[in-house]
Amino acid sequence: MANIHNPHFDQIVVFLDGVSEQSNCVHFLQDMRDLDVNMGLHKLEDEDSIAKVTCVNVEGNQPPYYQMFMYAVSDEVLGDVVVMSNADQAFDYSVAAVHNLNPDVLA
């Protein structure tokens, strides 16, 4: 939830592997909305903090890195800085420093 509420991220993309009819992005996004409300993080009635989350259903196991990198450079991704990480990593305000990197250098 920390990354979702981090104002320095325009979008959060989740690759949800092992999806089924009973467990997929629709369920994941609803669970995240419920968690947001239950944790008291949802501040405004008309605000949907989960709206910045894009969920990609992945059949089978973890997607290959190639698929994730190709998605990262696609038109589906908002903004000009992409941070790839595992879901258990949370970023604070210091992630804003990436805007000071040379855009011609892959970091």
Protein backbone atom coordinates (compact mmCIF):
# COMPACT_ATOMS: atom_id res chain seq x y z
CA MET A 1 0.00 0.00 0.00
CA ALA A 2 2.94 2.34 0.60
CA ASN A 3 3.81 2.51 -3.09
CA ILE A 4 0.19 3.09 -4.08
CA HIS A 5 0.02 6.09 -1.76
CA ASN A 6 3.45 7.37 -2.79
CA PRO A 7 2.74 10.59 -4.76
CA HIS A 8 5.92 10.11 -6.80
CA PHE A 9 4.46 7.10 -8.64
CA ASP A 10 2.02 7.82 -11.46
CA GLN A 11 1.16 4.18 -11.94
CA ILE A 12 1.70 0.82 -10.27
CA VAL A 13 1.71 -2.24 -12.55
CA VAL A 14 1.22 -5.64 -10.95
CA PHE A 15 1.89 -8.85 -12.86
CA LEU A 16 -0.43 -11.33 -11.12
CA ASP A 17 0.73 -14.85 -11.85
CA GLY A 18 -1.13 -18.11 -11.36
CA VAL A 19 -4.50 -16.55 -12.12
CA SER A 20 -7.70 -18.57 -12.22
CA GLU A 21 -11.39 -17.87 -12.54
CA GLN A 22 -11.58 -17.53 -8.74
CA SER A 23 -8.39 -15.50 -8.33
CA ASN A 24 -7.46 -12.85 -10.87
CA CYS A 25 -6.94 -9.12 -11.31
CA VAL A 26 -10.60 -8.32 -10.67
CA HIS A 27 -10.39 -10.02 -7.27
CA PHE A 28 -6.94 -8.57 -6.53
CA LEU A 29 -8.04 -4.98 -7.20
CA GLN A 30 -11.15 -5.40 -5.05
CA ASP A 31 -9.07 -6.89 -2.23
CA MET A 32 -6.68 -3.93 -2.50
CA ARG A 33 -9.60 -1.45 -2.31
CA ASP A 34 -10.96 -3.26 0.75
CA LEU A 35 -7.52 -3.24 2.40
CA ASP A 36 -7.11 0.46 1.65
CA VAL A 37 -10.40 1.21 3.41
CA ASN A 38 -9.79 -1.20 6.32
CA MET A 39 -6.35 0.29 6.98
CA GLY A 40 -7.88 3.76 7.12
CA LEU A 41 -5.80 4.94 4.16
CA HIS A 42 -8.77 5.84 1.98
CA LYS A 43 -9.23 9.54 2.78
CA LEU A 44 -11.89 10.91 0.44
CA GLU A 45 -15.18 9.33 -0.55
CA ASP A 46 -14.65 10.04 -4.25
CA GLU A 47 -10.91 9.21 -4.25
CA ASP A 48 -9.91 5.82 -5.62
CA SER A 49 -6.26 5.37 -4.75
CA ILE A 50 -6.32 1.96 -6.40
CA ALA A 51 -7.09 3.64 -9.74
CA LYS A 52 -3.34 4.09 -10.30
CA VAL A 53 -2.91 0.28 -10.16
CA THR A 54 -2.83 -1.62 -13.45
CA CYS A 55 -3.08 -5.37 -13.00
CA VAL A 56 -1.91 -7.79 -15.69
CA ASN A 57 -3.23 -11.36 -15.49
CA VAL A 58 -0.46 -13.89 -16.13
CA GLU A 59 -1.40 -17.47 -16.90
CA GLY A 60 0.86 -19.98 -15.18
CA ASN A 61 4.03 -19.07 -13.35
CA GLN A 62 5.92 -15.81 -12.97
CA PRO A 63 6.21 -13.96 -16.27
CA PRO A 64 9.64 -13.83 -17.88
CA TYR A 65 11.65 -10.66 -17.35
CA TYR A 66 11.44 -10.07 -21.11
CA GLN A 67 7.65 -9.71 -20.86
CA MET A 68 7.93 -7.29 -17.95
CA PHE A 69 10.60 -5.15 -19.65
CA MET A 70 8.61 -5.06 -22.90
CA TYR A 71 5.58 -3.91 -20.94
CA ALA A 72 7.70 -1.25 -19.21
CA VAL A 73 8.57 0.38 -22.54
CA SER A 74 5.06 0.06 -24.01
CA ASP A 75 2.47 2.79 -24.37
CA GLU A 76 0.50 1.16 -21.54
CA VAL A 77 2.89 2.66 -18.98
CA LEU A 78 2.33 6.21 -17.72
CA GLY A 79 5.14 8.63 -16.96
CA ASP A 80 8.75 8.71 -18.04
CA VAL A 81 10.43 6.85 -15.16
CA VAL A 82 9.91 3.12 -14.59
CA VAL A 83 10.93 1.40 -11.37
CA MET A 84 10.83 -2.40 -11.43
CA SER A 85 10.81 -4.26 -8.14
CA ASN A 86 9.28 -7.13 -6.24
CA ALA A 87 5.91 -6.49 -4.62
CA ASP A 88 7.38 -6.58 -1.13
CA GLN A 89 9.55 -3.50 -1.65
CA ALA A 90 8.24 -0.13 -0.49
CA PHE A 91 9.67 3.20 -1.61
CA ASP A 92 9.61 6.49 0.24
CA TYR A 93 9.90 10.10 -0.98
CA SER A 94 13.55 9.55 -1.96
CA VAL A 95 12.38 7.81 -5.13
CA ALA A 96 11.71 11.32 -6.47
CA ALA A 97 15.49 11.66 -6.94
CA VAL A 98 15.25 9.53 -10.09
CA HIS A 99 13.92 12.58 -11.91
CA ASN A 100 17.41 14.07 -11.58
CA LEU A 101 19.03 11.21 -13.53
CA ASN A 102 20.32 11.77 -17.04
CA PRO A 103 17.46 10.57 -19.31
CA ASP A 104 19.97 9.26 -21.87
CA VAL A 105 21.39 6.80 -19.36
CA LEU A 106 19.73 3.55 -18.45
CA ALA A 107 20.05 3.14 -14.67
